[in-house]
Amino acid sequence: MRKAKKKSALYRDDLIPLKTAIVGYARSSMTVQKLYEHIGRHIKLRDEEERELFQQFLLHNFYVQGKYDDDNGFLKLMKRVCELEDNDNGLHANRLFYLALPPNIFQSTTKLIKQHCWNTKGWKRIIIEKPFGYDYDSSQQLSRHLQSLYDEDEIYRIDHYLGKEMVQNLMVLRFGNRIFSPIWNHEHISSIQITFKEPFGTMGRGGYFDRFGIIRDVMQNHLLQILCLVAMEKPVSTNPEDIRDEKVKVLRAMRTLTVDDIVLGQYIGNPKLDGEGRLSYRDDPTVPNDSLTATFALAKCQINNERWDGVPFFLRCGKALNERKAEIRIQFRDVPGNIFHGECTRNELVIRIQPNEAVYIKFMTKEPGMTFRLSETELDLTYQNRYKDSRLPDAYERLLMDVFAGSQMHFVRSDELSEAWRIFTPLLHEIDEKKIVPAPYYYGSRGCKQADDFCVANGYRFYGTYIWPQASKTVKNQSDDIDSNPKY
């Protein structure tokens, strides 16, 4: 459904050729009209003109029913594709395959696509959705399978976080501004925290999540990708391979994680809330009653190179928390020789990825008037204020356009994937083998109190004396800026 919405937006904005045909393939008995009835209520159309455009877009959509391990199904798919290509005056068509499939049918599907659907004189590309394996060994097996069928430049491993506006802006913020380069190192930065928070649980959707957990679902991919962009050295150019080379160097400099580097949590019902908020993770009927799967995790990563020696990178993610938010929070060291009697709090550079995209710097100033009291304030670039008339494309829209253009810049390379799993696999196996029990936290809270204690013990400072104005307008619950002694 989500992919259909993004493709229709690309069609509306004239970003894909009008002759593009979209052919769905699945086991379900389905028609394009049934698909529209299913997704139509989720697609926001602004006016009658957009409604007409969407009806035109539906005419470019087709559907073929078939099994994922059956030659006949893919032969039928190929027959339909060839019919559509023949209607295009015999031009050599390009083919793009988007795979959003469960892991157990992945190998058979990719093999049959290559066997029956890959033969065309135009370009051929294949998009792979996560999970990219379950651990290091399964990921390696998957990579070997794909590499036996396709060239690396034909494979696009998609992580939609790499398509988000503020993630893509990291390169420019870091390497296009002189003021940041001299201070982007361990001499000036105390810690970096990368956060992903969701205000809802897994009710009715826990079957998939319980097998993978929050580390595999969010931390090992989305947050680690952001860490690489924050920490990498300046690439020699903006060529995709130069950028991906630097990301891999960051991962190679990271040691494997252990249980000493992590805090795990699982949400429980909150008696102060209504509806789903009163239910725990284990109350989900699709989740086992004795599940030890973590719905919250905080990990401390270290990068063993000259730039980041001794700087902890905290990766924090969780479900059923107090707000929806993804951000990068860079906390600088204390002011040396502080002459203001300890009143200075640490400067922070915050890059808000979602919602309400922004970059703001928290710093000290004198209160206005006949006083010499210090006050915390901000330099604030909030996108909805500065770029009021700009439309920010969805992450999937950007990434689909990159695939059309043949750019691999914002996609995961095989060696990058291998290093990511090397870092996390020993930890994941240790958690499973030792049956580590996650700490409980209330639905709608900030997560485990142990997580904040862990951050403080490793050098992070909570002050609770500052509120970002945009957060106070849009978020009723406490944000990470607000409370140094949060209520759990």
Protein backbone atom coordinates (compact mmCIF):
# COMPACT_ATOMS: atom_id res chain seq x y z
CA MET A 1 0.00 0.00 0.00
CA ARG A 2 2.75 2.44 0.98
CA LYS A 3 4.63 1.83 -2.29
CA ALA A 4 1.48 2.41 -4.35
CA LYS A 5 1.00 5.80 -2.68
CA LYS A 6 4.58 6.85 -3.45
CA LYS A 7 4.40 5.76 -7.08
CA SER A 8 1.14 7.68 -7.56
CA ALA A 9 2.84 10.80 -6.13
CA LEU A 10 5.70 10.41 -8.62
CA TYR A 11 3.15 10.10 -11.42
CA ARG A 12 1.30 13.22 -10.21
CA ASP A 13 4.51 15.26 -10.20
CA ASP A 14 5.62 14.07 -13.68
CA LEU A 15 8.70 12.38 -12.23
CA ILE A 16 8.25 9.03 -13.99
CA PRO A 17 7.67 8.47 -17.72
CA LEU A 18 4.00 8.39 -18.71
CA LYS A 19 4.56 5.02 -20.39
CA THR A 20 5.61 3.39 -17.12
CA ALA A 21 3.53 0.29 -16.34
CA ILE A 22 3.28 -1.14 -12.82
CA VAL A 23 2.54 -4.87 -12.60
CA GLY A 24 1.73 -6.36 -9.21
CA TYR A 25 2.43 -10.03 -8.52
CA ALA A 26 1.25 -11.99 -5.47
CA ARG A 27 -0.65 -15.09 -4.40
CA SER A 28 -3.84 -13.24 -3.50
CA SER A 29 -6.87 -13.16 -5.75
CA MET A 30 -6.81 -9.48 -6.58
CA THR A 31 -7.74 -6.93 -9.24
CA VAL A 32 -6.57 -3.33 -9.64
CA GLN A 33 -10.05 -2.19 -8.67
CA LYS A 34 -9.94 -4.26 -5.45
CA LEU A 35 -6.51 -2.84 -4.72
CA TYR A 36 -7.84 0.68 -5.14
CA GLU A 37 -10.74 -0.07 -2.79
CA HIS A 38 -8.21 -1.27 -0.22
CA ILE A 39 -5.80 1.66 -0.44
CA GLY A 40 -8.11 4.45 -1.62
CA ARG A 41 -9.06 5.62 1.87
CA HIS A 42 -5.38 6.09 2.73
CA ILE A 43 -4.56 8.26 -0.29
CA LYS A 44 -5.19 11.97 0.29
CA LEU A 45 -6.30 13.73 -2.89
CA ARG A 46 -6.43 17.51 -2.61
CA ASP A 47 -8.97 18.32 -5.30
CA GLU A 48 -10.84 17.02 -8.33
CA GLU A 49 -7.79 17.51 -10.56
CA GLU A 50 -5.75 15.17 -8.38
CA ARG A 51 -8.62 12.69 -8.33
CA GLU A 52 -8.61 12.62 -12.15
CA LEU A 53 -4.82 12.18 -12.17
CA PHE A 54 -5.12 9.26 -9.78
CA GLN A 55 -7.70 7.60 -12.02
CA GLN A 56 -5.26 8.00 -14.91
CA PHE A 57 -2.52 6.48 -12.76
CA LEU A 58 -4.68 3.42 -12.06
CA LEU A 59 -4.81 2.75 -15.82
CA HIS A 60 -1.04 2.12 -15.68
CA ASN A 61 -1.45 -0.58 -13.02
CA PHE A 62 -1.93 -4.29 -13.70
CA TYR A 63 -2.02 -7.43 -11.62
CA VAL A 64 -0.96 -11.06 -12.08
CA GLN A 65 -1.75 -13.78 -9.57
CA GLY A 66 0.80 -16.52 -8.99
CA LYS A 67 2.89 -18.44 -6.49
CA TYR A 68 6.40 -17.43 -5.48
CA ASP A 69 7.94 -20.84 -6.13
CA ASP A 70 6.15 -21.77 -9.34
CA ASP A 71 7.63 -21.42 -12.84
CA ASN A 72 4.18 -21.13 -14.39
CA GLY A 73 3.33 -18.08 -12.32
CA PHE A 74 6.44 -16.21 -13.43
CA LEU A 75 5.94 -17.29 -17.03
CA LYS A 76 2.45 -15.79 -16.80
CA LEU A 77 3.95 -12.62 -15.30
CA MET A 78 6.49 -12.42 -18.12
CA LYS A 79 3.79 -12.91 -20.73
CA ARG A 80 1.87 -9.94 -19.34
CA VAL A 81 4.99 -7.79 -19.19
CA CYS A 82 5.86 -8.62 -22.80
CA GLU A 83 2.33 -7.72 -23.91
CA LEU A 84 2.71 -4.31 -22.30
CA GLU A 85 6.13 -3.82 -23.89
CA ASP A 86 4.85 -4.85 -27.34
CA ASN A 87 2.21 -2.14 -27.07
CA ASP A 88 5.07 0.35 -26.80
CA ASN A 89 6.08 0.11 -30.48
CA GLY A 90 8.71 -2.52 -29.79
CA LEU A 91 11.04 -0.25 -27.81
CA HIS A 92 13.50 -1.94 -25.49
CA ALA A 93 11.92 -1.60 -22.05
CA ASN A 94 13.64 -1.13 -18.72
CA ARG A 95 12.55 -3.45 -15.90
CA LEU A 96 12.52 -2.68 -12.21
CA PHE A 97 11.49 -5.36 -9.70
CA TYR A 98 10.48 -4.31 -6.18
CA LEU A 99 10.56 -7.18 -3.66
CA ALA A 100 8.70 -6.68 -0.37
CA LEU A 101 8.55 -10.34 0.66
CA PRO A 102 8.86 -12.54 3.73
CA PRO A 103 12.33 -14.09 4.06
CA ASN A 104 11.17 -17.69 3.53
CA ILE A 105 10.20 -17.11 -0.13
CA PHE A 106 12.98 -14.72 -1.04
CA GLN A 107 15.42 -17.12 -2.67
CA SER A 108 12.85 -18.89 -4.87
CA THR A 109 11.41 -15.56 -6.03
CA THR A 110 14.74 -13.98 -6.97
CA LYS A 111 15.80 -17.15 -8.79
CA LEU A 112 12.60 -17.31 -10.87
CA ILE A 113 12.77 -13.60 -11.67
CA LYS A 114 16.26 -14.07 -13.07
CA GLN A 115 15.26 -17.24 -14.92
CA HIS A 116 12.09 -15.98 -16.57
CA CYS A 117 11.86 -12.16 -16.32
CA TRP A 118 15.35 -10.72 -16.67
CA ASN A 119 15.89 -10.89 -20.42
CA THR A 120 15.53 -7.39 -21.87
CA LYS A 121 17.86 -5.03 -23.71
CA GLY A 122 17.06 -2.13 -21.38
CA TRP A 123 18.44 -1.83 -17.86
CA LYS A 124 17.36 -4.31 -15.18
CA ARG A 125 17.33 -3.46 -11.47
CA ILE A 126 15.96 -5.15 -8.37
CA ILE A 127 15.00 -3.46 -5.08
CA ILE A 128 15.31 -5.54 -1.92
CA GLU A 129 13.36 -4.64 1.24
CA LYS A 130 14.67 -5.54 4.70
CA PRO A 131 15.12 -7.79 6.55
CA PHE A 132 18.49 -8.44 4.88
CA GLY A 133 18.91 -11.65 6.83
CA TYR A 134 18.45 -12.52 10.49
CA ASP A 135 22.11 -12.50 11.58
CA TYR A 136 25.59 -12.52 10.04
CA ASP A 137 25.43 -16.05 8.60
CA SER A 138 21.94 -15.71 7.10
CA SER A 139 22.87 -12.32 5.66
CA GLN A 140 26.00 -13.77 4.07
CA GLN A 141 23.96 -16.62 2.61
CA LEU A 142 21.47 -14.14 1.17
CA SER A 143 24.24 -11.96 -0.29
CA ARG A 144 25.91 -14.96 -1.92
CA HIS A 145 22.58 -16.02 -3.40
CA LEU A 146 21.93 -12.55 -4.87
CA GLN A 147 25.47 -12.22 -6.17
CA SER A 148 25.14 -15.55 -7.97
CA LEU A 149 22.16 -14.13 -9.87
CA TYR A 150 22.75 -10.38 -10.26
CA ASP A 151 25.57 -7.88 -10.55
CA GLU A 152 26.09 -5.64 -7.51
CA ASP A 153 25.09 -2.53 -9.50
CA GLU A 154 21.74 -4.18 -10.26
CA ILE A 155 20.89 -4.72 -6.57
CA TYR A 156 19.31 -1.89 -4.55
CA ARG A 157 19.00 -2.75 -0.84
CA ILE A 158 16.55 -0.11 0.33
CA ASP A 159 16.59 1.48 3.78
CA HIS A 160 13.94 4.22 3.63
CA TYR A 161 15.69 6.25 6.35
CA LEU A 162 18.41 7.05 3.82
CA GLY A 163 15.75 8.86 1.77
CA LYS A 164 14.64 11.22 4.53
CA GLU A 165 15.28 14.94 4.03
CA MET A 166 17.41 15.53 7.12
CA VAL A 167 19.42 12.32 6.67
CA GLN A 168 20.29 13.36 3.13
CA ASN A 169 21.12 16.83 4.45
CA LEU A 170 23.82 15.46 6.78
CA MET A 171 26.43 15.50 4.01
CA VAL A 172 25.85 19.19 3.31
CA LEU A 173 25.65 20.20 6.96
CA ARG A 174 28.92 18.48 7.74
CA PHE A 175 31.01 19.10 4.66
CA GLY A 176 29.46 22.29 3.25
CA ASN A 177 29.88 24.46 6.36
CA ARG A 178 33.24 25.59 7.68
CA ILE A 179 31.95 26.17 11.23
CA PHE A 180 31.34 22.45 11.88
CA SER A 181 34.48 20.80 10.49
CA PRO A 182 36.98 21.93 13.20
CA ILE A 183 34.73 20.82 16.09
CA TRP A 184 33.47 17.51 14.64
CA ASN A 185 35.75 15.29 16.74
CA HIS A 186 36.43 13.88 20.20
CA GLU A 187 38.17 17.04 21.40
CA HIS A 188 34.90 18.99 21.30
CA ILE A 189 32.08 16.42 21.26
CA SER A 190 31.18 14.56 24.45
CA SER A 191 28.60 12.13 23.06
CA ILE A 192 26.19 11.57 20.18
CA GLN A 193 22.72 10.14 20.60
CA ILE A 194 20.61 8.89 17.67
CA THR A 195 16.99 8.34 18.66
CA PHE A 196 13.96 6.65 17.09
CA LYS A 197 10.70 6.73 19.05
CA GLU A 198 7.20 5.51 18.19
CA PRO A 199 4.12 6.28 20.35
CA PHE A 200 2.28 3.06 19.47
CA GLY A 201 2.78 -0.60 20.28
CA THR A 202 2.46 -3.75 18.17
CA MET A 203 -1.15 -4.68 18.88
CA GLY A 204 -2.22 -7.17 16.21
CA ARG A 205 1.11 -6.85 14.42
CA GLY A 206 3.37 -8.56 16.93
CA GLY A 207 3.79 -11.85 15.09
CA TYR A 208 6.46 -10.50 12.73
CA PHE A 209 8.00 -8.17 15.29
CA ASP A 210 8.39 -10.86 17.94
CA ARG A 211 10.71 -12.85 15.69
CA PHE A 212 12.97 -9.90 14.95
CA GLY A 213 12.71 -7.45 17.86
CA ILE A 214 13.59 -3.77 18.01
CA ILE A 215 17.35 -4.25 17.44
CA ARG A 216 16.92 -6.06 14.12
CA ASP A 217 13.90 -3.98 13.13
CA VAL A 218 15.36 -0.50 13.71
CA MET A 219 18.79 -0.29 15.34
CA GLN A 220 20.95 -2.54 13.18
CA ASN A 221 19.78 -0.82 9.98
CA HIS A 222 18.13 2.63 10.29
CA LEU A 223 20.12 3.96 13.25
CA LEU A 224 23.42 2.42 12.20
CA GLN A 225 23.09 3.97 8.74
CA ILE A 226 22.62 7.39 10.33
CA LEU A 227 25.61 6.79 12.60
CA CYS A 228 27.79 6.15 9.54
CA LEU A 229 26.79 9.45 7.94
CA VAL A 230 27.41 11.36 11.17
CA ALA A 231 30.79 9.75 11.82
CA MET A 232 32.38 9.16 8.41
CA GLU A 233 35.34 11.08 7.00
CA LYS A 234 34.86 13.45 4.08
CA PRO A 235 34.65 11.39 0.87
CA VAL A 236 36.86 12.38 -2.05
CA SER A 237 33.72 13.22 -4.07
CA THR A 238 29.94 12.85 -4.03
CA ASN A 239 30.26 9.75 -6.18
CA PRO A 240 28.08 7.03 -4.59
CA GLU A 241 30.95 4.56 -4.25
CA ASP A 242 33.20 7.15 -2.59
CA ILE A 243 30.49 7.85 -0.01
CA ARG A 244 29.78 4.16 0.60
CA ASP A 245 33.51 3.49 0.97
CA GLU A 246 33.67 5.97 3.88
CA LYS A 247 30.59 4.46 5.55
CA VAL A 248 32.19 1.03 5.45
CA LYS A 249 35.37 2.42 7.06
CA VAL A 250 33.29 3.61 10.03
CA LEU A 251 31.75 0.18 10.49
CA ARG A 252 35.12 -1.55 10.26
CA ALA A 253 36.39 0.67 13.08
CA MET A 254 33.59 -0.46 15.40
CA ARG A 255 33.99 -3.43 17.73
CA THR A 256 31.30 -6.04 18.17
CA LEU A 257 28.72 -5.31 20.87
CA THR A 258 28.05 -7.32 24.03
CA VAL A 259 25.28 -7.28 26.64
CA ASP A 260 27.41 -4.85 28.69
CA ASP A 261 26.80 -2.27 25.94
CA ILE A 262 23.01 -2.40 25.94
CA VAL A 263 19.83 -1.81 27.92
CA LEU A 264 16.70 -3.73 26.89
CA GLY A 265 13.08 -3.01 27.71
CA GLN A 266 9.58 -4.32 27.02
CA TYR A 267 6.49 -2.17 27.47
CA ILE A 268 3.72 -2.92 29.92
CA GLY A 269 0.23 -1.47 30.17
CA ASN A 270 -0.17 1.98 31.68
CA PRO A 271 -3.18 2.22 34.02
CA LYS A 272 -3.29 5.99 33.47
CA LEU A 273 -4.04 5.57 29.74
CA ASP A 274 -7.05 4.37 27.83
CA GLY A 275 -7.46 1.81 25.05
CA GLU A 276 -4.30 0.18 23.74
CA GLY A 277 -2.23 2.15 26.24
CA ARG A 278 -3.49 -0.11 29.02
CA LEU A 279 -2.19 -3.22 27.23
CA SER A 280 1.29 -4.70 27.47
CA TYR A 281 3.33 -6.15 24.63
CA ARG A 282 2.44 -9.65 25.80
CA ASP A 283 -1.27 -8.79 25.70
CA ASP A 284 -0.99 -8.78 21.90
CA PRO A 285 -2.68 -12.07 20.86
CA THR A 286 0.00 -12.59 18.18
CA VAL A 287 2.79 -12.52 20.80
CA PRO A 288 3.70 -15.51 23.04
CA ASN A 289 2.78 -15.06 26.71
CA ASP A 290 6.38 -15.63 27.79
CA SER A 291 8.05 -13.50 25.09
CA LEU A 292 11.38 -11.91 26.02
CA THR A 293 11.54 -9.84 22.84
CA ALA A 294 12.72 -6.27 23.48
CA THR A 295 10.50 -3.42 22.32
CA PHE A 296 13.04 -0.84 23.54
CA ALA A 297 16.82 -0.82 23.32
CA LEU A 298 19.67 1.55 23.99
CA ALA A 299 23.18 0.59 22.82
CA LYS A 300 26.52 2.29 23.31
CA CYS A 301 28.78 2.06 20.25
CA GLN A 302 32.44 3.06 20.06
CA ILE A 303 34.37 3.97 16.91
CA ASN A 304 38.03 3.14 17.34
CA ASN A 305 39.69 5.79 15.22
CA GLU A 306 41.47 9.08 15.82
CA ARG A 307 38.43 11.31 15.26
CA TRP A 308 36.05 9.55 17.65
CA ASP A 309 38.35 8.09 20.31
CA GLY A 310 36.37 7.84 23.56
CA VAL A 311 33.11 9.34 22.23
CA PRO A 312 30.06 7.14 22.94
CA PHE A 313 27.44 6.87 20.21
CA PHE A 314 24.12 6.02 21.86
CA LEU A 315 21.53 4.34 19.65
CA ARG A 316 18.08 4.54 21.26
CA CYS A 317 14.88 3.10 19.80
CA GLY A 318 11.56 1.87 21.06
CA LYS A 319 7.83 1.37 20.64
CA ALA A 320 4.96 2.56 22.86
CA LEU A 321 6.94 5.62 23.97
CA ASN A 322 5.81 9.15 24.76
CA GLU A 323 6.12 10.65 21.28
CA ARG A 324 6.95 10.07 17.65
CA LYS A 325 10.44 11.33 16.97
CA ALA A 326 13.69 10.59 15.18
CA GLU A 327 16.66 12.84 15.81
CA ILE A 328 20.44 13.15 16.12
CA ARG A 329 21.61 14.91 19.29
CA ILE A 330 25.27 15.96 19.40
CA GLN A 331 26.29 17.06 22.90
CA PHE A 332 29.51 19.07 23.18
CA ARG A 333 31.97 19.07 26.05
CA ASP A 334 31.80 21.44 29.00
CA VAL A 335 33.20 24.93 28.58
CA PRO A 336 36.82 24.87 29.85
CA GLY A 337 37.64 27.44 32.49
CA ASN A 338 33.98 28.15 33.19
CA ILE A 339 33.80 31.62 34.84
CA PHE A 340 30.01 31.54 35.27
CA HIS A 341 29.93 29.47 38.47
CA GLY A 342 28.77 26.30 36.78
CA GLU A 343 25.66 27.88 35.22
CA CYS A 344 26.59 26.86 31.67
CA THR A 345 24.91 23.80 30.27
CA ARG A 346 26.47 21.93 27.39
CA ASN A 347 25.87 23.12 23.85
CA GLU A 348 23.92 20.70 21.67
CA LEU A 349 23.41 20.45 17.94
CA VAL A 350 20.10 18.70 17.26
CA ILE A 351 19.06 17.43 13.84
CA ARG A 352 15.36 16.57 13.93
CA ILE A 353 14.66 13.94 11.25
CA GLN A 354 10.93 13.55 11.91
CA PRO A 355 8.43 14.96 12.48
CA ASN A 356 8.83 18.73 12.09
CA GLU A 357 12.22 18.61 10.32
CA ALA A 358 14.71 21.04 11.85
CA VAL A 359 18.28 21.83 12.79
CA TYR A 360 18.79 23.78 15.99
CA ILE A 361 21.74 24.62 18.23
CA LYS A 362 21.22 24.94 21.97
CA PHE A 363 23.57 27.53 23.48
CA MET A 364 23.96 29.98 26.37
CA THR A 365 23.12 33.66 26.33
CA LYS A 366 22.51 36.48 28.80
CA GLU A 367 18.91 37.12 29.82
CA PRO A 368 17.62 40.44 28.42
CA GLY A 369 17.41 43.43 30.73
CA MET A 370 19.14 44.59 33.89
CA THR A 371 20.53 41.24 34.81
CA PHE A 372 23.54 39.05 34.19
CA ARG A 373 21.72 35.77 34.53
CA LEU A 374 22.47 33.10 31.97
CA SER A 375 19.76 31.51 29.86
CA GLU A 376 19.55 28.65 27.38
CA THR A 377 18.23 29.50 23.93
CA GLU A 378 18.58 28.27 20.37
CA LEU A 379 19.56 29.06 16.82
CA ASP A 380 16.67 27.44 15.02
CA LEU A 381 16.22 26.30 11.42
CA THR A 382 12.76 24.75 11.40
CA TYR A 383 11.81 23.72 7.90
CA GLN A 384 8.09 24.50 8.18
CA ASN A 385 9.02 28.09 9.05
CA ARG A 386 11.98 28.66 6.73
CA TYR A 387 10.65 26.71 3.74
CA LYS A 388 6.90 27.26 4.09
CA ASP A 389 6.09 26.75 0.42
CA SER A 390 8.37 23.76 -0.13
CA ARG A 391 7.05 20.23 -0.37
CA LEU A 392 9.38 17.63 1.14
CA PRO A 393 9.19 14.40 -0.88
CA ASP A 394 8.57 11.17 0.96
CA ALA A 395 11.65 9.01 1.54
CA TYR A 396 10.39 6.26 -0.77
CA GLU A 397 9.70 8.78 -3.53
CA ARG A 398 13.32 9.96 -3.39
CA LEU A 399 14.72 6.44 -3.36
CA LEU A 400 12.54 5.21 -6.21
CA MET A 401 13.78 8.16 -8.27
CA ASP A 402 17.37 7.21 -7.39
CA VAL A 403 16.73 3.71 -8.73
CA PHE A 404 15.29 5.09 -11.96
CA ALA A 405 18.40 7.27 -12.27
CA GLY A 406 20.75 4.38 -11.47
CA SER A 407 22.22 6.07 -8.37
CA GLN A 408 23.34 3.76 -5.54
CA MET A 409 24.29 6.62 -3.18
CA HIS A 410 21.47 6.01 -0.70
CA PHE A 411 21.42 2.23 -0.84
CA VAL A 412 23.27 -0.39 1.20
CA ARG A 413 26.26 -2.16 -0.34
CA SER A 414 26.98 -5.82 0.39
CA ASP A 415 30.19 -5.19 2.39
CA GLU A 416 28.39 -2.49 4.37
CA LEU A 417 25.66 -4.97 5.25
CA SER A 418 28.23 -7.59 6.22
CA GLU A 419 30.00 -5.23 8.64
CA ALA A 420 26.71 -4.13 10.21
CA TRP A 421 25.79 -7.74 11.00
CA ARG A 422 29.32 -8.42 12.30
CA ILE A 423 28.81 -5.70 14.92
CA PHE A 424 25.40 -6.89 16.14
CA THR A 425 25.30 -10.67 15.65
CA PRO A 426 27.31 -11.68 18.77
CA LEU A 427 25.07 -9.44 20.89
CA LEU A 428 21.88 -10.88 19.38
CA HIS A 429 23.06 -14.44 19.95
CA GLU A 430 24.09 -13.63 23.53
CA ILE A 431 20.65 -12.15 24.25
CA ASP A 432 18.94 -15.27 22.87
CA GLU A 433 21.25 -17.78 24.56
CA LYS A 434 21.15 -16.14 28.00
CA LYS A 435 17.41 -15.41 27.73
CA ILE A 436 17.96 -11.90 29.00
CA VAL A 437 14.79 -10.45 30.51
CA PRO A 438 14.06 -6.90 29.30
CA ALA A 439 13.22 -4.28 31.92
CA PRO A 440 9.56 -3.20 32.02
CA TYR A 441 8.50 0.33 31.10
CA TYR A 442 5.07 1.92 30.93
CA TYR A 443 3.31 2.45 27.62
CA GLY A 444 3.60 6.19 26.89
CA SER A 445 6.76 6.78 28.92
CA ARG A 446 10.27 7.68 27.76
CA GLY A 447 11.36 4.05 28.09
CA CYS A 448 13.49 2.29 30.68
CA LYS A 449 14.90 4.44 33.47
CA GLN A 450 17.98 2.19 33.29
CA ALA A 451 18.66 3.59 29.81
CA ASP A 452 19.03 7.16 31.05
CA ASP A 453 21.11 5.98 33.98
CA PHE A 454 23.35 4.14 31.52
CA CYS A 455 23.77 7.30 29.41
CA VAL A 456 24.65 9.40 32.47
CA ALA A 457 27.16 6.80 33.63
CA ASN A 458 28.83 7.06 30.24
CA GLY A 459 29.12 10.83 30.13
CA TYR A 460 25.79 12.15 28.82
CA ARG A 461 24.19 15.06 30.73
CA PHE A 462 20.46 15.55 31.24
CA TYR A 463 19.60 19.06 32.47
CA GLY A 464 15.85 19.43 32.25
CA THR A 465 16.12 23.22 32.00
CA TYR A 466 15.38 23.79 28.31
CA ILE A 467 12.37 23.35 26.03
CA TRP A 468 12.73 23.61 22.26
CA PRO A 469 9.86 25.97 21.25
CA GLN A 470 8.76 23.79 18.33
CA ALA A 471 8.52 20.76 20.61
CA SER A 472 6.35 22.63 23.09
CA LYS A 473 3.93 23.50 20.27
CA THR A 474 3.62 20.01 18.82
CA VAL A 475 4.37 17.51 21.58
CA LYS A 476 2.37 17.30 24.79
CA ASN A 477 4.61 14.67 26.34
CA GLN A 478 8.09 15.23 27.63
CA SER A 479 10.89 15.32 25.06
CA ASP A 480 14.55 14.52 25.63
CA ASP A 481 15.24 18.25 26.09
CA ILE A 482 12.76 18.75 28.88
CA ASP A 483 13.23 16.55 31.91
CA SER A 484 16.38 15.58 33.76
CA ASN A 485 14.45 13.33 36.15
CA PRO A 486 11.79 11.82 33.89
CA LYS A 487 8.71 10.12 35.27
CA TYR A 488 8.45 6.58 33.99
